[in-house]
């Protein structure tokens, strides 16, 4: 790791890493915790994890890039997740995601230039009876139609 890495983890995160350092499966658990605190896994965060767990950066980066759950870029202030799991897709989830894209001017996996919104597609939110479902900043919206999208997004501006 380079000496230029100035990233400091919180005391609670450092304590968590210390607790998990010697446990099997620690890398994924630590990365989940880091992302929970930072919102994503930056290159600097990956370097710091590698250093603290005494594992090669290539191993950390391999895990981060293999699992879809881990984000490599900082999400927007309001992360929008549109479910494209079977129930949601069959009930029009693809139309909802198109409406979101048109309303905020970005595609899946992108962040608006002002950093206000980010957009992702997910496979299941666990609310199949409310399909199609989208979440904004963790708030769940069910039975969403493309016409509802502008009103939902206006609540977060």
N, C-alpha and C. Protein backbone atom coordinates (compact mmCIF):
# COMPACT_ATOMS: atom_id res chain seq x y z
N UNK A 1 0.84 -1.18 0.00
CA UNK A 1 0.00 0.00 0.00
C UNK A 1 0.87 1.23 0.00
N UNK A 2 0.42 2.27 -0.67
CA UNK A 2 1.22 3.49 -0.75
C UNK A 2 1.13 4.28 0.54
N UNK A 3 2.15 5.05 0.81
CA UNK A 3 2.19 5.88 2.01
C UNK A 3 1.20 7.03 1.90
N UNK A 4 0.69 7.31 0.71
CA UNK A 4 -0.21 8.44 0.50
C UNK A 4 -1.62 8.17 0.98
N UNK A 5 -1.96 6.92 1.30
CA UNK A 5 -3.31 6.60 1.73
C UNK A 5 -3.58 7.21 3.10
N UNK A 6 -4.44 8.23 3.13
CA UNK A 6 -4.75 8.96 4.35
C UNK A 6 -6.11 8.58 4.91
N UNK A 7 -6.78 7.62 4.29
CA UNK A 7 -8.13 7.26 4.72
C UNK A 7 -8.13 6.75 6.15
N UNK A 8 -8.98 7.35 6.97
CA UNK A 8 -9.11 6.94 8.36
C UNK A 8 -10.49 6.31 8.55
N UNK A 9 -10.51 5.14 9.15
CA UNK A 9 -11.76 4.49 9.49
C UNK A 9 -12.17 4.93 10.88
N UNK A 10 -13.48 4.91 11.15
CA UNK A 10 -14.00 5.27 12.47
C UNK A 10 -13.52 4.27 13.52
N UNK A 11 -13.60 4.66 14.77
CA UNK A 11 -13.22 3.77 15.86
C UNK A 11 -14.07 2.50 15.86
N UNK A 12 -15.38 2.66 15.59
CA UNK A 12 -16.26 1.48 15.60
C UNK A 12 -15.90 0.52 14.46
N UNK A 13 -15.53 1.07 13.31
CA UNK A 13 -15.13 0.22 12.19
C UNK A 13 -13.80 -0.47 12.50
N UNK A 14 -12.88 0.25 13.08
CA UNK A 14 -11.59 -0.35 13.45
C UNK A 14 -11.80 -1.46 14.47
N UNK A 15 -12.70 -1.25 15.41
CA UNK A 15 -13.00 -2.27 16.42
C UNK A 15 -13.59 -3.51 15.76
N UNK A 16 -14.50 -3.30 14.81
CA UNK A 16 -15.11 -4.41 14.08
C UNK A 16 -14.05 -5.20 13.33
N UNK A 17 -13.15 -4.50 12.66
CA UNK A 17 -12.10 -5.16 11.89
C UNK A 17 -11.19 -5.96 12.83
N UNK A 18 -10.86 -5.40 13.97
CA UNK A 18 -10.03 -6.11 14.95
C UNK A 18 -10.72 -7.39 15.42
N UNK A 19 -12.03 -7.28 15.66
CA UNK A 19 -12.81 -8.43 16.12
C UNK A 19 -12.86 -9.54 15.07
N UNK A 20 -12.92 -9.15 13.78
CA UNK A 20 -13.07 -10.12 12.70
C UNK A 20 -11.75 -10.54 12.06
N UNK A 21 -10.66 -9.90 12.42
CA UNK A 21 -9.38 -10.12 11.73
C UNK A 21 -8.99 -11.59 11.58
N UNK A 22 -9.19 -12.39 12.61
CA UNK A 22 -8.74 -13.79 12.57
C UNK A 22 -9.85 -14.79 12.24
N UNK A 23 -11.06 -14.31 12.01
CA UNK A 23 -12.18 -15.22 11.75
C UNK A 23 -12.26 -15.61 10.27
N UNK A 24 -12.67 -16.86 10.01
CA UNK A 24 -12.89 -17.27 8.61
C UNK A 24 -14.00 -16.42 7.99
N UNK A 25 -13.85 -16.10 6.71
CA UNK A 25 -14.86 -15.30 6.02
C UNK A 25 -14.82 -13.83 6.39
N UNK A 26 -13.74 -13.41 7.00
CA UNK A 26 -13.66 -12.03 7.50
C UNK A 26 -13.69 -10.98 6.40
N UNK A 27 -13.14 -11.26 5.26
CA UNK A 27 -13.03 -10.24 4.22
C UNK A 27 -14.40 -9.72 3.79
N UNK A 28 -15.32 -10.60 3.51
CA UNK A 28 -16.64 -10.17 3.07
C UNK A 28 -17.36 -9.41 4.18
N UNK A 29 -17.26 -9.91 5.40
CA UNK A 29 -17.91 -9.23 6.53
C UNK A 29 -17.34 -7.82 6.72
N UNK A 30 -16.03 -7.70 6.64
CA UNK A 30 -15.39 -6.40 6.80
C UNK A 30 -15.80 -5.46 5.67
N UNK A 31 -15.81 -5.97 4.45
CA UNK A 31 -16.20 -5.12 3.31
C UNK A 31 -17.65 -4.65 3.43
N UNK A 32 -18.53 -5.52 3.91
CA UNK A 32 -19.93 -5.11 4.14
C UNK A 32 -19.98 -3.96 5.14
N UNK A 33 -19.22 -4.09 6.19
CA UNK A 33 -19.20 -3.05 7.24
C UNK A 33 -18.61 -1.75 6.70
N UNK A 34 -17.55 -1.84 5.93
CA UNK A 34 -16.93 -0.64 5.34
C UNK A 34 -17.94 0.06 4.42
N UNK A 35 -18.60 -0.72 3.56
CA UNK A 35 -19.57 -0.12 2.66
C UNK A 35 -20.74 0.48 3.44
N UNK A 36 -21.14 -0.18 4.51
CA UNK A 36 -22.22 0.36 5.34
C UNK A 36 -21.86 1.72 5.91
N UNK A 37 -20.61 1.89 6.24
CA UNK A 37 -20.17 3.16 6.82
C UNK A 37 -19.87 4.23 5.76
N UNK A 38 -19.22 3.83 4.68
CA UNK A 38 -18.80 4.80 3.67
C UNK A 38 -19.78 4.95 2.51
N UNK A 39 -20.64 3.95 2.34
CA UNK A 39 -21.59 3.99 1.23
C UNK A 39 -21.10 3.27 -0.02
N UNK A 40 -19.81 3.01 -0.07
CA UNK A 40 -19.20 2.31 -1.20
C UNK A 40 -17.79 1.90 -0.80
N UNK A 41 -17.11 1.14 -1.68
CA UNK A 41 -15.75 0.71 -1.41
C UNK A 41 -14.83 1.45 -2.39
N UNK A 42 -14.17 2.47 -1.91
CA UNK A 42 -13.22 3.21 -2.75
C UNK A 42 -11.92 2.43 -2.86
N UNK A 43 -11.08 2.82 -3.77
CA UNK A 43 -9.76 2.19 -3.91
C UNK A 43 -8.99 2.34 -2.59
N UNK A 44 -9.09 3.53 -1.99
CA UNK A 44 -8.39 3.79 -0.74
C UNK A 44 -8.91 2.89 0.39
N UNK A 45 -10.22 2.69 0.41
CA UNK A 45 -10.81 1.81 1.44
C UNK A 45 -10.34 0.37 1.24
N UNK A 46 -10.28 -0.07 -0.02
CA UNK A 46 -9.81 -1.43 -0.32
C UNK A 46 -8.35 -1.59 0.11
N UNK A 47 -7.54 -0.57 -0.13
CA UNK A 47 -6.14 -0.61 0.28
C UNK A 47 -6.03 -0.69 1.80
N UNK A 48 -6.85 0.08 2.48
CA UNK A 48 -6.82 0.09 3.96
C UNK A 48 -7.24 -1.27 4.51
N UNK A 49 -8.29 -1.87 3.94
CA UNK A 49 -8.74 -3.20 4.37
C UNK A 49 -7.63 -4.22 4.16
N UNK A 50 -6.99 -4.17 2.99
CA UNK A 50 -5.90 -5.11 2.70
C UNK A 50 -4.80 -4.97 3.74
N UNK A 51 -4.47 -3.75 4.07
CA UNK A 51 -3.42 -3.50 5.07
C UNK A 51 -3.83 -4.03 6.44
N UNK A 52 -5.05 -3.72 6.86
CA UNK A 52 -5.50 -4.10 8.20
C UNK A 52 -5.69 -5.61 8.36
N UNK A 53 -6.11 -6.29 7.29
CA UNK A 53 -6.32 -7.74 7.37
C UNK A 53 -5.08 -8.52 6.94
N UNK A 54 -4.08 -7.78 6.46
CA UNK A 54 -2.84 -8.40 6.00
C UNK A 54 -3.10 -9.41 4.88
N UNK A 55 -3.87 -8.96 3.89
CA UNK A 55 -4.13 -9.76 2.70
C UNK A 55 -3.75 -8.92 1.48
N UNK A 56 -3.45 -9.56 0.37
CA UNK A 56 -3.09 -8.80 -0.83
C UNK A 56 -4.26 -7.93 -1.32
N UNK A 57 -3.93 -6.76 -1.81
CA UNK A 57 -4.94 -5.88 -2.37
C UNK A 57 -5.70 -6.57 -3.50
N UNK A 58 -5.01 -7.40 -4.28
CA UNK A 58 -5.66 -8.12 -5.38
C UNK A 58 -6.79 -9.00 -4.87
N UNK A 59 -6.61 -9.60 -3.72
CA UNK A 59 -7.68 -10.44 -3.14
C UNK A 59 -8.87 -9.58 -2.74
N UNK A 60 -8.62 -8.46 -2.09
CA UNK A 60 -9.69 -7.56 -1.68
C UNK A 60 -10.43 -7.06 -2.92
N UNK A 61 -9.68 -6.58 -3.90
CA UNK A 61 -10.29 -6.02 -5.10
C UNK A 61 -11.04 -7.10 -5.88
N UNK A 62 -10.54 -8.33 -5.85
CA UNK A 62 -11.23 -9.44 -6.51
C UNK A 62 -12.59 -9.68 -5.91
N UNK A 63 -12.69 -9.64 -4.59
CA UNK A 63 -13.98 -9.83 -3.91
C UNK A 63 -14.91 -8.66 -4.20
N UNK A 64 -14.38 -7.45 -4.11
CA UNK A 64 -15.20 -6.25 -4.33
C UNK A 64 -15.78 -6.23 -5.74
N UNK A 65 -14.98 -6.63 -6.72
CA UNK A 65 -15.46 -6.56 -8.11
C UNK A 65 -16.26 -7.79 -8.52
N UNK A 66 -16.14 -8.89 -7.77
CA UNK A 66 -16.89 -10.10 -8.09
C UNK A 66 -18.34 -9.99 -7.66
N UNK A 67 -18.58 -9.49 -6.45
CA UNK A 67 -19.93 -9.45 -5.91
C UNK A 67 -20.64 -8.17 -6.30
N UNK A 68 -21.80 -8.32 -6.89
CA UNK A 68 -22.58 -7.20 -7.38
C UNK A 68 -23.00 -6.24 -6.25
N UNK A 69 -23.11 -6.75 -5.04
CA UNK A 69 -23.56 -5.94 -3.91
C UNK A 69 -22.63 -4.76 -3.65
N UNK A 70 -21.32 -4.95 -3.84
CA UNK A 70 -20.37 -3.90 -3.51
C UNK A 70 -20.35 -2.81 -4.58
N UNK A 71 -20.38 -1.58 -4.11
CA UNK A 71 -20.39 -0.41 -5.00
C UNK A 71 -18.98 0.15 -5.09
N UNK A 72 -18.55 0.50 -6.28
CA UNK A 72 -17.21 1.04 -6.48
C UNK A 72 -17.21 2.56 -6.59
N UNK A 73 -18.38 3.13 -6.75
CA UNK A 73 -18.47 4.59 -6.83
C UNK A 73 -19.43 5.10 -5.76
N UNK A 74 -19.17 6.29 -5.34
CA UNK A 74 -20.00 6.89 -4.29
C UNK A 74 -21.42 7.07 -4.81
N UNK A 75 -22.40 6.54 -4.08
CA UNK A 75 -23.80 6.68 -4.53
C UNK A 75 -24.28 8.12 -4.34
N UNK A 76 -25.37 8.45 -5.01
CA UNK A 76 -25.97 9.76 -4.83
C UNK A 76 -26.55 9.90 -3.43
N UNK A 77 -26.90 11.11 -3.08
CA UNK A 77 -27.51 11.37 -1.78
C UNK A 77 -28.75 10.49 -1.60
N UNK A 78 -29.51 10.32 -2.67
CA UNK A 78 -30.70 9.47 -2.66
C UNK A 78 -30.49 8.34 -3.66
N UNK A 79 -30.26 7.14 -3.16
CA UNK A 79 -30.08 6.00 -4.05
C UNK A 79 -31.45 5.43 -4.40
N UNK A 80 -31.68 5.28 -5.68
CA UNK A 80 -32.93 4.73 -6.19
C UNK A 80 -32.65 3.30 -6.64
N UNK A 81 -33.42 2.36 -6.12
CA UNK A 81 -33.29 0.96 -6.52
C UNK A 81 -34.63 0.50 -7.07
N UNK A 82 -34.63 0.03 -8.30
CA UNK A 82 -35.84 -0.48 -8.92
C UNK A 82 -35.70 -1.98 -9.05
N UNK A 83 -36.69 -2.70 -8.52
CA UNK A 83 -36.66 -4.15 -8.55
C UNK A 83 -36.99 -4.66 -9.95
N UNK A 84 -36.14 -5.57 -10.43
CA UNK A 84 -36.39 -6.23 -11.70
C UNK A 84 -36.45 -7.75 -11.50
N UNK A 85 -36.77 -8.17 -10.28
CA UNK A 85 -37.00 -9.58 -10.01
C UNK A 85 -38.23 -10.03 -10.79
N UNK A 86 -38.51 -11.30 -10.79
CA UNK A 86 -39.57 -11.86 -11.64
C UNK A 86 -40.92 -11.16 -11.46
N UNK A 87 -41.41 -11.07 -10.24
CA UNK A 87 -42.73 -10.46 -10.02
C UNK A 87 -42.74 -9.00 -10.47
N UNK A 88 -41.72 -8.26 -10.09
CA UNK A 88 -41.67 -6.84 -10.46
C UNK A 88 -41.51 -6.65 -11.96
N UNK A 89 -40.67 -7.47 -12.57
CA UNK A 89 -40.48 -7.36 -14.01
C UNK A 89 -41.79 -7.64 -14.75
N UNK A 90 -42.49 -8.69 -14.33
CA UNK A 90 -43.74 -9.05 -15.00
C UNK A 90 -44.82 -7.99 -14.82
N UNK A 91 -44.73 -7.22 -13.73
CA UNK A 91 -45.73 -6.18 -13.47
C UNK A 91 -45.29 -4.80 -13.97
N UNK A 92 -44.17 -4.74 -14.71
CA UNK A 92 -43.77 -3.47 -15.32
C UNK A 92 -42.57 -2.78 -14.71
N UNK A 93 -41.74 -3.51 -13.97
CA UNK A 93 -40.54 -2.93 -13.39
C UNK A 93 -39.63 -2.28 -14.42
N UNK A 94 -39.56 -2.88 -15.62
CA UNK A 94 -38.73 -2.31 -16.68
C UNK A 94 -39.25 -0.94 -17.11
N UNK A 95 -40.56 -0.74 -17.10
CA UNK A 95 -41.15 0.56 -17.46
C UNK A 95 -40.86 1.59 -16.36
N UNK A 96 -40.85 1.13 -15.11
CA UNK A 96 -40.55 2.02 -13.99
C UNK A 96 -39.11 2.51 -14.10
N UNK A 97 -38.20 1.60 -14.39
CA UNK A 97 -36.79 2.00 -14.48
C UNK A 97 -36.58 2.96 -15.65
N UNK A 98 -37.28 2.74 -16.76
CA UNK A 98 -37.20 3.66 -17.90
C UNK A 98 -37.71 5.05 -17.51
N UNK A 99 -38.79 5.09 -16.76
CA UNK A 99 -39.34 6.37 -16.31
C UNK A 99 -38.37 7.10 -15.38
N UNK A 100 -37.72 6.36 -14.50
CA UNK A 100 -36.73 6.98 -13.61
C UNK A 100 -35.58 7.54 -14.43
N UNK A 101 -35.09 6.75 -15.36
CA UNK A 101 -33.99 7.20 -16.22
C UNK A 101 -34.35 8.49 -16.95
N UNK A 102 -35.56 8.56 -17.48
CA UNK A 102 -36.01 9.75 -18.20
C UNK A 102 -36.15 10.94 -17.26
N UNK A 103 -36.61 10.71 -16.05
CA UNK A 103 -36.84 11.79 -15.10
C UNK A 103 -35.56 12.38 -14.53
N UNK A 104 -34.54 11.56 -14.32
CA UNK A 104 -33.32 12.10 -13.70
C UNK A 104 -32.14 12.16 -14.67
N UNK A 105 -32.33 11.65 -15.87
CA UNK A 105 -31.32 11.81 -16.92
C UNK A 105 -30.06 10.96 -16.77
N UNK A 106 -30.16 9.85 -16.07
CA UNK A 106 -29.03 8.93 -15.97
C UNK A 106 -29.51 7.51 -16.17
N UNK A 107 -28.56 6.62 -16.41
CA UNK A 107 -28.88 5.21 -16.55
C UNK A 107 -28.53 4.44 -15.29
N UNK A 108 -28.82 3.17 -15.32
CA UNK A 108 -28.50 2.28 -14.20
C UNK A 108 -26.99 2.29 -13.96
N UNK A 109 -26.62 2.37 -12.70
CA UNK A 109 -25.21 2.37 -12.33
C UNK A 109 -24.57 3.74 -12.39
N UNK A 110 -25.36 4.77 -12.60
CA UNK A 110 -24.82 6.13 -12.70
C UNK A 110 -25.31 7.01 -11.57
N UNK A 111 -24.67 8.16 -11.44
CA UNK A 111 -25.01 9.17 -10.43
C UNK A 111 -25.22 10.49 -11.16
N UNK A 112 -26.26 11.24 -10.76
CA UNK A 112 -26.49 12.53 -11.39
C UNK A 112 -25.30 13.45 -11.14
N UNK A 113 -25.08 14.40 -12.04
CA UNK A 113 -23.91 15.28 -11.94
C UNK A 113 -23.91 16.09 -10.65
N UNK A 114 -25.09 16.36 -10.10
CA UNK A 114 -25.15 17.12 -8.84
C UNK A 114 -25.02 16.21 -7.61
N UNK A 115 -24.90 14.89 -7.85
CA UNK A 115 -24.73 13.94 -6.76
C UNK A 115 -26.00 13.67 -5.96
N UNK A 116 -27.13 14.16 -6.46
CA UNK A 116 -28.38 14.00 -5.71
C UNK A 116 -28.95 12.58 -5.80
N UNK A 117 -28.91 11.98 -7.00
CA UNK A 117 -29.51 10.66 -7.20
C UNK A 117 -28.52 9.69 -7.82
N UNK A 118 -28.66 8.42 -7.44
CA UNK A 118 -27.98 7.33 -8.13
C UNK A 118 -29.06 6.30 -8.42
N UNK A 119 -28.82 5.47 -9.43
CA UNK A 119 -29.84 4.51 -9.85
C UNK A 119 -29.23 3.12 -10.00
N UNK A 120 -29.93 2.15 -9.46
CA UNK A 120 -29.52 0.76 -9.62
C UNK A 120 -30.74 -0.12 -9.82
N UNK A 121 -30.52 -1.22 -10.51
CA UNK A 121 -31.57 -2.24 -10.61
C UNK A 121 -31.18 -3.34 -9.64
N UNK A 122 -32.19 -3.89 -8.98
CA UNK A 122 -31.95 -4.97 -8.02
C UNK A 122 -32.83 -6.15 -8.39
N UNK A 123 -32.52 -7.31 -7.85
CA UNK A 123 -33.25 -8.52 -8.21
C UNK A 123 -34.43 -8.83 -7.30
N UNK A 124 -34.42 -8.39 -6.08
CA UNK A 124 -35.57 -8.61 -5.21
C UNK A 124 -35.44 -7.74 -3.97
N UNK A 125 -36.55 -7.13 -3.58
CA UNK A 125 -36.56 -6.31 -2.37
C UNK A 125 -37.36 -7.01 -1.27
N UNK A 126 -37.95 -8.15 -1.63
CA UNK A 126 -38.73 -8.91 -0.65
C UNK A 126 -40.14 -8.41 -0.47
N UNK A 127 -40.63 -7.66 -1.44
CA UNK A 127 -42.00 -7.11 -1.37
C UNK A 127 -42.77 -7.51 -2.62
N UNK A 128 -42.69 -8.76 -3.00
CA UNK A 128 -43.27 -9.21 -4.27
C UNK A 128 -44.76 -8.92 -4.39
N UNK A 129 -45.48 -8.91 -3.29
CA UNK A 129 -46.91 -8.61 -3.31
C UNK A 129 -47.20 -7.16 -3.67
N UNK A 130 -46.17 -6.31 -3.62
CA UNK A 130 -46.33 -4.89 -3.96
C UNK A 130 -45.75 -4.56 -5.33
N UNK A 131 -45.44 -5.57 -6.13
CA UNK A 131 -44.77 -5.37 -7.41
C UNK A 131 -45.56 -4.46 -8.34
N UNK A 132 -44.84 -3.64 -9.10
CA UNK A 132 -43.40 -3.41 -9.08
C UNK A 132 -43.00 -2.45 -7.94
N UNK A 133 -41.81 -2.67 -7.43
CA UNK A 133 -41.32 -1.94 -6.26
C UNK A 133 -40.08 -1.15 -6.60
N UNK A 134 -39.99 0.05 -6.01
CA UNK A 134 -38.76 0.82 -6.06
C UNK A 134 -38.51 1.39 -4.67
N UNK A 135 -37.25 1.60 -4.35
CA UNK A 135 -36.92 2.25 -3.09
C UNK A 135 -36.13 3.51 -3.40
N UNK A 136 -36.32 4.52 -2.57
CA UNK A 136 -35.53 5.74 -2.67
C UNK A 136 -35.04 6.01 -1.26
N UNK A 137 -33.73 6.04 -1.10
CA UNK A 137 -33.12 6.24 0.21
C UNK A 137 -33.69 5.27 1.25
N UNK A 138 -33.97 4.04 0.81
CA UNK A 138 -34.47 3.02 1.71
C UNK A 138 -35.97 3.02 1.92
N UNK A 139 -36.66 4.07 1.45
CA UNK A 139 -38.12 4.12 1.58
C UNK A 139 -38.74 3.31 0.44
N UNK A 140 -39.65 2.40 0.78
CA UNK A 140 -40.24 1.49 -0.20
C UNK A 140 -41.51 2.06 -0.80
N UNK A 141 -41.60 1.96 -2.13
CA UNK A 141 -42.79 2.38 -2.87
C UNK A 141 -43.27 1.17 -3.66
N UNK A 142 -44.54 0.80 -3.47
CA UNK A 142 -45.08 -0.38 -4.12
C UNK A 142 -46.15 -0.05 -5.14
N UNK A 143 -46.39 -1.03 -6.02
CA UNK A 143 -47.36 -0.92 -7.10
C UNK A 143 -47.11 0.35 -7.92
N UNK A 144 -45.83 0.59 -8.19
CA UNK A 144 -45.39 1.80 -8.88
C UNK A 144 -45.69 1.68 -10.37
N UNK A 145 -46.22 2.77 -10.92
CA UNK A 145 -46.41 2.87 -12.37
C UNK A 145 -45.46 3.96 -12.86
N UNK A 146 -45.23 3.99 -14.16
CA UNK A 146 -44.33 5.01 -14.72
C UNK A 146 -44.87 6.41 -14.44
N UNK A 147 -46.19 6.56 -14.37
CA UNK A 147 -46.77 7.88 -14.11
C UNK A 147 -46.57 8.34 -12.67
N UNK A 148 -46.29 7.42 -11.76
CA UNK A 148 -46.06 7.77 -10.35
C UNK A 148 -44.64 8.26 -10.09
N UNK A 149 -43.72 7.93 -11.00
CA UNK A 149 -42.30 8.20 -10.77
C UNK A 149 -41.99 9.68 -10.50
N UNK A 150 -42.48 10.62 -11.32
CA UNK A 150 -42.15 12.02 -11.03
C UNK A 150 -42.58 12.48 -9.63
N UNK A 151 -43.75 12.07 -9.20
CA UNK A 151 -44.24 12.44 -7.86
C UNK A 151 -43.39 11.84 -6.76
N UNK A 152 -42.98 10.60 -6.94
CA UNK A 152 -42.12 9.95 -5.93
C UNK A 152 -40.79 10.67 -5.85
N UNK A 153 -40.19 10.94 -6.99
CA UNK A 153 -38.88 11.59 -6.98
C UNK A 153 -38.94 13.02 -6.44
N UNK A 154 -40.03 13.70 -6.67
CA UNK A 154 -40.15 15.10 -6.18
C UNK A 154 -40.10 15.17 -4.67
N UNK A 155 -40.42 14.09 -3.99
CA UNK A 155 -40.35 14.07 -2.53
C UNK A 155 -38.91 14.14 -2.02
N UNK A 156 -37.95 13.89 -2.90
CA UNK A 156 -36.55 13.82 -2.49
C UNK A 156 -35.70 14.95 -3.06
N UNK A 157 -36.34 15.97 -3.58
CA UNK A 157 -35.57 17.07 -4.18
C UNK A 157 -35.26 18.15 -3.21
